[in-house]
Amino acid sequence: RRLLGLSDQKVGEPLTRSLPPGRLLDVLTGGS
């Protein structure tokens, strides 16, 4: 949460609700 700034991320929800599209999201979700 600290490294990614995801203080509001809830368990059970996808990361797409907290992170904008980009390389970071692609790497975390397996797109890259």
Full PDB file with SEQRES, HELIX, SHEET, SSBOND, CRYST1, ORIGX, SCALE, CONECT and MASTER records, all heavy atoms in Angstrom:
SEQRES   1 A   32  ARG ARG LEU LEU GLY LEU SER ASP GLN LYS VAL GLY GLU          
SEQRES   2 A   32  PRO LEU THR ARG SER LEU PRO PRO GLY ARG LEU LEU ASP          
SEQRES   3 A   32  VAL LEU THR GLY GLY SER                                      
HELIX    1 AA1 LEU A   15  ARG A   17  5                                   3    
HELIX    2 AA2 ARG A   23  THR A   29  1                                   7    
CRYST1    1.000    1.000    1.000  90.00  90.00  90.00 P 1           1          
ORIGX1      1.000000  0.000000  0.000000        0.00000                         
ORIGX2      0.000000  1.000000  0.000000        0.00000                         
ORIGX3      0.000000  0.000000  1.000000        0.00000                         
SCALE1      1.000000  0.000000  0.000000        0.00000                         
SCALE2      0.000000  1.000000  0.000000        0.00000                         
SCALE3      0.000000  0.000000  1.000000        0.00000                         
ATOM      1  N   ARG A   1       0.837  -1.208   0.000  1.00  0.00           N  
ATOM      2  CA  ARG A   1       0.000   0.000   0.000  1.00  0.00           C  
ATOM      3  C   ARG A   1       0.871   1.258   0.000  1.00  0.00           C  
ATOM      4  O   ARG A   1       0.568   2.235  -0.677  1.00  0.00           O  
ATOM      5  CB  ARG A   1      -0.921  -0.002   1.221  1.00  0.00           C  
ATOM      6  CG  ARG A   1      -2.000  -1.086   1.200  1.00  0.00           C  
ATOM      7  CD  ARG A   1      -2.900  -0.957   2.415  1.00  0.00           C  
ATOM      8  NE  ARG A   1      -3.888  -2.028   2.485  1.00  0.00           N  
ATOM      9  CZ  ARG A   1      -5.058  -2.002   1.863  1.00  0.00           C  
ATOM     10  NH1 ARG A   1      -5.387  -0.956   1.124  1.00  0.00           N  
ATOM     11  NH2 ARG A   1      -5.908  -3.006   1.983  1.00  0.00           N  
ATOM     12  N   ARG A   2       1.976   1.225   0.761  1.00  0.00           N  
ATOM     13  CA  ARG A   2       2.843   2.409   0.829  1.00  0.00           C  
ATOM     14  C   ARG A   2       3.558   2.640  -0.503  1.00  0.00           C  
ATOM     15  O   ARG A   2       3.605   3.770  -1.010  1.00  0.00           O  
ATOM     16  CB  ARG A   2       3.879   2.225   1.936  1.00  0.00           C  
ATOM     17  CG  ARG A   2       4.779   3.438   2.144  1.00  0.00           C  
ATOM     18  CD  ARG A   2       5.884   3.140   3.138  1.00  0.00           C  
ATOM     19  NE  ARG A   2       6.860   2.218   2.596  1.00  0.00           N  
ATOM     20  CZ  ARG A   2       7.869   2.582   1.796  1.00  0.00           C  
ATOM     21  NH1 ARG A   2       8.020   3.852   1.446  1.00  0.00           N  
ATOM     22  NH2 ARG A   2       8.713   1.685   1.361  1.00  0.00           N  
ATOM     23  N   LEU A   3       4.109   1.584  -1.086  1.00  0.00           N  
ATOM     24  CA  LEU A   3       4.878   1.737  -2.319  1.00  0.00           C  
ATOM     25  C   LEU A   3       4.010   2.189  -3.485  1.00  0.00           C  
ATOM     26  O   LEU A   3       4.457   2.945  -4.350  1.00  0.00           O  
ATOM     27  CB  LEU A   3       5.577   0.420  -2.661  1.00  0.00           C  
ATOM     28  CG  LEU A   3       6.685  -0.029  -1.702  1.00  0.00           C  
ATOM     29  CD1 LEU A   3       7.191  -1.408  -2.090  1.00  0.00           C  
ATOM     30  CD2 LEU A   3       7.825   0.977  -1.690  1.00  0.00           C  
ATOM     31  N   LEU A   4       2.766   1.708  -3.522  1.00  0.00           N  
ATOM     32  CA  LEU A   4       1.897   2.009  -4.654  1.00  0.00           C  
ATOM     33  C   LEU A   4       0.883   3.107  -4.351  1.00  0.00           C  
ATOM     34  O   LEU A   4       0.119   3.496  -5.235  1.00  0.00           O  
ATOM     35  CB  LEU A   4       1.148   0.736  -5.084  1.00  0.00           C  
ATOM     36  CG  LEU A   4       2.030  -0.427  -5.550  1.00  0.00           C  
ATOM     37  CD1 LEU A   4       1.173  -1.642  -5.874  1.00  0.00           C  
ATOM     38  CD2 LEU A   4       2.864  -0.031  -6.763  1.00  0.00           C  
ATOM     39  N   GLY A   5       0.854   3.587  -3.109  1.00  0.00           N  
ATOM     40  CA  GLY A   5      -0.115   4.611  -2.758  1.00  0.00           C  
ATOM     41  C   GLY A   5      -1.545   4.112  -2.812  1.00  0.00           C  
ATOM     42  O   GLY A   5      -2.448   4.813  -3.264  1.00  0.00           O  
ATOM     43  N   LEU A   6      -1.768   2.873  -2.324  1.00  0.00           N  
ATOM     44  CA  LEU A   6      -3.089   2.243  -2.403  1.00  0.00           C  
ATOM     45  C   LEU A   6      -3.733   2.186  -1.024  1.00  0.00           C  
ATOM     46  O   LEU A   6      -4.171   1.124  -0.575  1.00  0.00           O  
ATOM     47  CB  LEU A   6      -2.969   0.831  -2.993  1.00  0.00           C  
ATOM     48  CG  LEU A   6      -2.409   0.741  -4.408  1.00  0.00           C  
ATOM     49  CD1 LEU A   6      -2.301  -0.713  -4.840  1.00  0.00           C  
ATOM     50  CD2 LEU A   6      -3.291   1.517  -5.380  1.00  0.00           C  
ATOM     51  N   SER A   7      -3.790   3.302  -0.337  1.00  0.00           N  
ATOM     52  CA  SER A   7      -4.373   3.303   1.004  1.00  0.00           C  
ATOM     53  C   SER A   7      -5.863   2.977   0.989  1.00  0.00           C  
ATOM     54  O   SER A   7      -6.412   2.468   1.965  1.00  0.00           O  
ATOM     55  CB  SER A   7      -4.150   4.662   1.674  1.00  0.00           C  
ATOM     56  OG  SER A   7      -4.714   5.702   0.877  1.00  0.00           O  
ATOM     57  N   ASP A   8      -6.537   3.251  -0.139  1.00  0.00           N  
ATOM     58  CA  ASP A   8      -7.986   3.018  -0.219  1.00  0.00           C  
ATOM     59  C   ASP A   8      -8.343   1.722  -0.934  1.00  0.00           C  
ATOM     60  O   ASP A   8      -9.526   1.438  -1.125  1.00  0.00           O  
ATOM     61  CB  ASP A   8      -8.660   4.184  -0.942  1.00  0.00           C  
ATOM     62  CG  ASP A   8      -8.514   5.496  -0.183  1.00  0.00           C  
ATOM     63  OD1 ASP A   8      -8.414   5.436   1.055  1.00  0.00           O  
ATOM     64  OD2 ASP A   8      -8.495   6.568  -0.823  1.00  0.00           O  
ATOM     65  N   GLN A   9      -7.344   0.951  -1.365  1.00  0.00           N  
ATOM     66  CA  GLN A   9      -7.635  -0.294  -2.082  1.00  0.00           C  
ATOM     67  C   GLN A   9      -8.290  -1.294  -1.139  1.00  0.00           C  
ATOM     68  O   GLN A   9      -7.789  -1.572  -0.047  1.00  0.00           O  
ATOM     69  CB  GLN A   9      -6.345  -0.886  -2.661  1.00  0.00           C  
ATOM     70  CG  GLN A   9      -6.527  -2.246  -3.328  1.00  0.00           C  
ATOM     71  CD  GLN A   9      -7.390  -2.177  -4.563  1.00  0.00           C  
ATOM     72  OE1 GLN A   9      -7.268  -1.278  -5.366  1.00  0.00           O  
ATOM     73  NE2 GLN A   9      -8.275  -3.147  -4.721  1.00  0.00           N  
ATOM     74  N   LYS A  10      -9.410  -1.867  -1.563  1.00  0.00           N  
ATOM     75  CA  LYS A  10     -10.146  -2.838  -0.753  1.00  0.00           C  
ATOM     76  C   LYS A  10      -9.917  -4.237  -1.282  1.00  0.00           C  
ATOM     77  O   LYS A  10      -9.801  -4.460  -2.486  1.00  0.00           O  
ATOM     78  CB  LYS A  10     -11.641  -2.515  -0.762  1.00  0.00           C  
ATOM     79  CG  LYS A  10     -11.991  -1.167  -0.142  1.00  0.00           C  
ATOM     80  CD  LYS A  10     -13.491  -0.925  -0.182  1.00  0.00           C  
ATOM     81  CE  LYS A  10     -13.842   0.418   0.438  1.00  0.00           C  
ATOM     82  NZ  LYS A  10     -15.312   0.675   0.389  1.00  0.00           N  
ATOM     83  N   VAL A  11      -9.856  -5.184  -0.360  1.00  0.00           N  
ATOM     84  CA  VAL A  11      -9.744  -6.590  -0.738  1.00  0.00           C  
ATOM     85  C   VAL A  11     -11.047  -7.026  -1.406  1.00  0.00           C  
ATOM     86  O   VAL A  11     -12.142  -6.711  -0.938  1.00  0.00           O  
ATOM     87  CB  VAL A  11      -9.450  -7.465   0.501  1.00  0.00           C  
ATOM     88  CG1 VAL A  11      -9.472  -8.938   0.135  1.00  0.00           C  
ATOM     89  CG2 VAL A  11      -8.105  -7.086   1.099  1.00  0.00           C  
ATOM     90  N   GLY A  12     -10.915  -7.746  -2.509  1.00  0.00           N  
ATOM     91  CA  GLY A  12     -12.084  -8.186  -3.264  1.00  0.00           C  
ATOM     92  C   GLY A  12     -12.382  -7.323  -4.473  1.00  0.00           C  
ATOM     93  O   GLY A  12     -13.266  -7.663  -5.256  1.00  0.00           O  
ATOM     94  N   GLU A  13     -11.646  -6.203  -4.628  1.00  0.00           N  
ATOM     95  CA  GLU A  13     -11.843  -5.333  -5.781  1.00  0.00           C  
ATOM     96  C   GLU A  13     -10.623  -5.384  -6.687  1.00  0.00           C  
ATOM     97  O   GLU A  13      -9.500  -5.599  -6.220  1.00  0.00           O  
ATOM     98  CB  GLU A  13     -12.083  -3.880  -5.338  1.00  0.00           C  
ATOM     99  CG  GLU A  13     -13.373  -3.678  -4.572  1.00  0.00           C  
ATOM    100  CD  GLU A  13     -13.588  -2.208  -4.228  1.00  0.00           C  
ATOM    101  OE1 GLU A  13     -12.650  -1.411  -4.456  1.00  0.00           O  
ATOM    102  OE2 GLU A  13     -14.685  -1.876  -3.734  1.00  0.00           O  
ATOM    103  N   PRO A  14     -10.786  -5.185  -7.989  1.00  0.00           N  
ATOM    104  CA  PRO A  14      -9.630  -5.190  -8.902  1.00  0.00           C  
ATOM    105  C   PRO A  14      -8.802  -3.922  -8.739  1.00  0.00           C  
ATOM    106  O   PRO A  14      -9.285  -2.889  -8.273  1.00  0.00           O  
ATOM    107  CB  PRO A  14     -10.279  -5.270 -10.294  1.00  0.00           C  
ATOM    108  CG  PRO A  14     -11.642  -4.683 -10.104  1.00  0.00           C  
ATOM    109  CD  PRO A  14     -12.075  -5.043  -8.712  1.00  0.00           C  
ATOM    110  N   LEU A  15      -7.533  -4.016  -9.166  1.00  0.00           N  
ATOM    111  CA  LEU A  15      -6.642  -2.859  -9.066  1.00  0.00           C  
ATOM    112  C   LEU A  15      -7.035  -1.737 -10.018  1.00  0.00           C  
ATOM    113  O   LEU A  15      -6.626  -0.588  -9.835  1.00  0.00           O  
ATOM    114  CB  LEU A  15      -5.195  -3.280  -9.365  1.00  0.00           C  
ATOM    115  CG  LEU A  15      -4.379  -3.849  -8.207  1.00  0.00           C  
ATOM    116  CD1 LEU A  15      -2.978  -4.180  -8.670  1.00  0.00           C  
ATOM    117  CD2 LEU A  15      -4.330  -2.865  -7.051  1.00  0.00           C  
ATOM    118  N   THR A  16      -7.802  -2.069 -11.050  1.00  0.00           N  
ATOM    119  CA  THR A  16      -8.187  -1.051 -12.031  1.00  0.00           C  
ATOM    120  C   THR A  16      -9.004   0.067 -11.408  1.00  0.00           C  
ATOM    121  O   THR A  16      -9.117   1.145 -11.993  1.00  0.00           O  
ATOM    122  CB  THR A  16      -8.997  -1.703 -13.170  1.00  0.00           C  
ATOM    123  OG1 THR A  16     -10.080  -2.462 -12.610  1.00  0.00           O  
ATOM    124  CG2 THR A  16      -8.112  -2.640 -13.989  1.00  0.00           C  
ATOM    125  N   ARG A  17      -9.578  -0.155 -10.218  1.00  0.00           N  
ATOM    126  CA  ARG A  17     -10.339   0.893  -9.544  1.00  0.00           C  
ATOM    127  C   ARG A  17      -9.445   1.872  -8.793  1.00  0.00           C  
ATOM    128  O   ARG A  17      -9.905   2.942  -8.401  1.00  0.00           O  
ATOM    129  CB  ARG A  17     -11.342   0.270  -8.578  1.00  0.00           C  
ATOM    130  CG  ARG A  17     -12.403  -0.578  -9.259  1.00  0.00           C  
ATOM    131  CD  ARG A  17     -13.479  -0.981  -8.282  1.00  0.00           C  
ATOM    132  NE  ARG A  17     -14.526  -1.767  -8.919  1.00  0.00           N  
ATOM    133  CZ  ARG A  17     -15.614  -2.221  -8.293  1.00  0.00           C  
ATOM    134  NH1 ARG A  17     -15.798  -1.935  -7.019  1.00  0.00           N  
ATOM    135  NH2 ARG A  17     -16.516  -2.938  -8.935  1.00  0.00           N  
ATOM    136  N   SER A  18      -8.171   1.485  -8.584  1.00  0.00           N  
ATOM    137  CA  SER A  18      -7.268   2.351  -7.808  1.00  0.00           C  
ATOM    138  C   SER A  18      -6.096   2.864  -8.615  1.00  0.00           C  
ATOM    139  O   SER A  18      -5.520   3.891  -8.251  1.00  0.00           O  
ATOM    140  CB  SER A  18      -6.743   1.573  -6.583  1.00  0.00           C  
ATOM    141  OG  SER A  18      -7.795   1.111  -5.776  1.00  0.00           O  
ATOM    142  N   LEU A  19      -5.710   2.170  -9.692  1.00  0.00           N  
ATOM    143  CA  LEU A  19      -4.551   2.577 -10.485  1.00  0.00           C  
ATOM    144  C   LEU A  19      -4.992   2.968 -11.890  1.00  0.00           C  
ATOM    145  O   LEU A  19      -5.840   2.296 -12.481  1.00  0.00           O  
ATOM    146  CB  LEU A  19      -3.532   1.439 -10.566  1.00  0.00           C  
ATOM    147  CG  LEU A  19      -2.783   1.083  -9.276  1.00  0.00           C  
ATOM    148  CD1 LEU A  19      -1.842  -0.080  -9.517  1.00  0.00           C  
ATOM    149  CD2 LEU A  19      -2.006   2.288  -8.747  1.00  0.00           C  
ATOM    150  N   PRO A  20      -4.407   4.014 -12.444  1.00  0.00           N  
ATOM    151  CA  PRO A  20      -4.744   4.393 -13.824  1.00  0.00           C  
ATOM    152  C   PRO A  20      -4.077   3.443 -14.807  1.00  0.00           C  
ATOM    153  O   PRO A  20      -3.109   2.746 -14.476  1.00  0.00           O  
ATOM    154  CB  PRO A  20      -4.162   5.812 -13.933  1.00  0.00           C  
ATOM    155  CG  PRO A  20      -3.018   5.814 -12.966  1.00  0.00           C  
ATOM    156  CD  PRO A  20      -3.439   4.932 -11.824  1.00  0.00           C  
ATOM    157  N   PRO A  21      -4.571   3.403 -16.047  1.00  0.00           N  
ATOM    158  CA  PRO A  21      -3.921   2.552 -17.063  1.00  0.00           C  
ATOM    159  C   PRO A  21      -2.478   2.995 -17.270  1.00  0.00           C  
ATOM    160  O   PRO A  21      -2.141   4.173 -17.201  1.00  0.00           O  
ATOM    161  CB  PRO A  21      -4.783   2.786 -18.307  1.00  0.00           C  
ATOM    162  CG  PRO A  21      -6.095   3.270 -17.799  1.00  0.00           C  
ATOM    163  CD  PRO A  21      -5.782   4.056 -16.560  1.00  0.00           C  
ATOM    164  N   GLY A  22      -1.606   2.042 -17.520  1.00  0.00           N  
ATOM    165  CA  GLY A  22      -0.188   2.345 -17.722  1.00  0.00           C  
ATOM    166  C   GLY A  22       0.648   1.110 -17.500  1.00  0.00           C  
ATOM    167  O   GLY A  22       0.147   0.002 -17.264  1.00  0.00           O  
ATOM    168  N   ARG A  23       1.948   1.291 -17.565  1.00  0.00           N  
ATOM    169  CA  ARG A  23       2.846   0.147 -17.449  1.00  0.00           C  
ATOM    170  C   ARG A  23       2.791  -0.477 -16.057  1.00  0.00           C  
ATOM    171  O   ARG A  23       2.874  -1.702 -15.923  1.00  0.00           O  
ATOM    172  CB  ARG A  23       4.282   0.572 -17.757  1.00  0.00           C  
ATOM    173  CG  ARG A  23       5.251  -0.611 -17.777  1.00  0.00           C  
ATOM    174  CD  ARG A  23       6.593  -0.248 -18.359  1.00  0.00           C  
ATOM    175  NE  ARG A  23       7.426  -1.420 -18.426  1.00  0.00           N  
ATOM    176  CZ  ARG A  23       8.221  -1.843 -17.438  1.00  0.00           C  
ATOM    177  NH1 ARG A  23       8.266  -1.150 -16.313  1.00  0.00           N  
ATOM    178  NH2 ARG A  23       8.967  -2.928 -17.568  1.00  0.00           N  
ATOM    179  N   LEU A  24       2.644   0.358 -15.022  1.00  0.00           N  
ATOM    180  CA  LEU A  24       2.560  -0.190 -13.667  1.00  0.00           C  
ATOM    181  C   LEU A  24       1.393  -1.152 -13.541  1.00  0.00           C  
ATOM    182  O   LEU A  24       1.543  -2.265 -13.022  1.00  0.00           O  
ATOM    183  CB  LEU A  24       2.428   0.957 -12.658  1.00  0.00           C  
ATOM    184  CG  LEU A  24       2.212   0.539 -11.192  1.00  0.00           C  
ATOM    185  CD1 LEU A  24       3.380  -0.297 -10.700  1.00  0.00           C  
ATOM    186  CD2 LEU A  24       2.023   1.764 -10.306  1.00  0.00           C  
ATOM    187  N   LEU A  25       0.231  -0.764 -14.022  1.00  0.00           N  
ATOM    188  CA  LEU A  25      -0.939  -1.636 -13.954  1.00  0.00           C  
ATOM    189  C   LEU A  25      -0.743  -2.873 -14.821  1.00  0.00           C  
ATOM    190  O   LEU A  25      -1.138  -3.980 -14.427  1.00  0.00           O  
ATOM    191  CB  LEU A  25      -2.188  -0.866 -14.401  1.00  0.00           C  
ATOM    192  CG  LEU A  25      -3.521  -1.615 -14.305  1.00  0.00           C  
ATOM    193  CD1 LEU A  25      -3.816  -2.006 -12.866  1.00  0.00           C  
ATOM    194  CD2 LEU A  25      -4.655  -0.774 -14.861  1.00  0.00           C  
ATOM    195  N   ASP A  26      -0.113  -2.716 -15.980  1.00  0.00           N  
ATOM    196  CA  ASP A  26       0.128  -3.868 -16.856  1.00  0.00           C  
ATOM    197  C   ASP A  26       1.034  -4.890 -16.185  1.00  0.00           C  
ATOM    198  O   ASP A  26       0.797  -6.102 -16.267  1.00  0.00           O  
ATOM    199  CB  ASP A  26       0.747  -3.410 -18.176  1.00  0.00           C  
ATOM    200  CG  ASP A  26      -0.226  -2.602 -19.023  1.00  0.00           C  
ATOM    201  OD1 ASP A  26      -1.436  -2.725 -18.775  1.00  0.00           O  
ATOM    202  OD2 ASP A  26       0.228  -1.850 -19.899  1.00  0.00           O  
ATOM    203  N   VAL A  27       2.087  -4.413 -15.520  1.00  0.00           N  
ATOM    204  CA  VAL A  27       3.014  -5.334 -14.858  1.00  0.00           C  
ATOM    205  C   VAL A  27       2.336  -6.041 -13.693  1.00  0.00           C  
ATOM    206  O   VAL A  27       2.491  -7.254 -13.494  1.00  0.00           O  
ATOM    207  CB  VAL A  27       4.266  -4.571 -14.388  1.00  0.00           C  
ATOM    208  CG1 VAL A  27       5.151  -5.475 -13.528  1.00  0.00           C  
ATOM    209  CG2 VAL A  27       5.058  -4.054 -15.583  1.00  0.00           C  
ATOM    210  N   LEU A  28       1.557  -5.307 -12.907  1.00  0.00           N  
ATOM    211  CA  LEU A  28       0.915  -5.904 -11.729  1.00  0.00           C  
ATOM    212  C   LEU A  28      -0.149  -6.920 -12.109  1.00  0.00           C  
ATOM    213  O   LEU A  28      -0.333  -7.932 -11.426  1.00  0.00           O  
ATOM    214  CB  LEU A  28       0.294  -4.806 -10.865  1.00  0.00           C  
ATOM    215  CG  LEU A  28       1.270  -3.840 -10.186  1.00  0.00           C  
ATOM    216  CD1 LEU A  28       0.510  -2.771  -9.429  1.00  0.00           C  
ATOM    217  CD2 LEU A  28       2.207  -4.576  -9.241  1.00  0.00           C  
ATOM    218  N   THR A  29      -0.879  -6.665 -13.193  1.00  0.00           N  
ATOM    219  CA  THR A  29      -1.979  -7.556 -13.579  1.00  0.00           C  
ATOM    220  C   THR A  29      -1.569  -8.619 -14.593  1.00  0.00           C  
ATOM    221  O   THR A  29      -2.408  -9.404 -15.018  1.00  0.00           O  
ATOM    222  CB  THR A  29      -3.141  -6.739 -14.157  1.00  0.00           C  
ATOM    223  OG1 THR A  29      -2.667  -5.964 -15.272  1.00  0.00           O  
ATOM    224  CG2 THR A  29      -3.711  -5.807 -13.099  1.00  0.00           C  
ATOM    225  N   GLY A  30      -0.303  -8.652 -14.990  1.00  0.00           N  
ATOM    226  CA  GLY A  30       0.157  -9.683 -15.911  1.00  0.00           C  
ATOM    227  C   GLY A  30       0.096  -9.292 -17.362  1.00  0.00           C  
ATOM    228  O   GLY A  30       0.390 -10.115 -18.237  1.00  0.00           O  
ATOM    229  N   GLY A  31      -0.271  -8.041 -17.668  1.00  0.00           N  
ATOM    230  CA  GLY A  31      -0.280  -7.612 -19.058  1.00  0.00           C  
ATOM    231  C   GLY A  31       1.108  -7.526 -19.648  1.00  0.00           C  
ATOM    232  O   GLY A  31       1.302  -7.680 -20.854  1.00  0.00           O  
ATOM    233  N   SER A  32       2.097  -7.256 -18.802  1.00  0.00           N  
ATOM    234  CA  SER A  32       3.510  -7.242 -19.211  1.00  0.00           C  
ATOM    235  C   SER A  32       4.223  -8.298 -18.388  1.00  0.00           C  
ATOM    236  O   SER A  32       4.224  -8.237 -17.151  1.00  0.00           O  
ATOM    237  CB  SER A  32       4.122  -5.860 -18.973  1.00  0.00           C  
ATOM    238  OG  SER A  32       5.486  -5.853 -19.296  1.00  0.00           O  
TER     239      SER A  32                                                      
MASTER        0    0    0    2    0    0    0    6  238    1    0    3          
END                                                                             
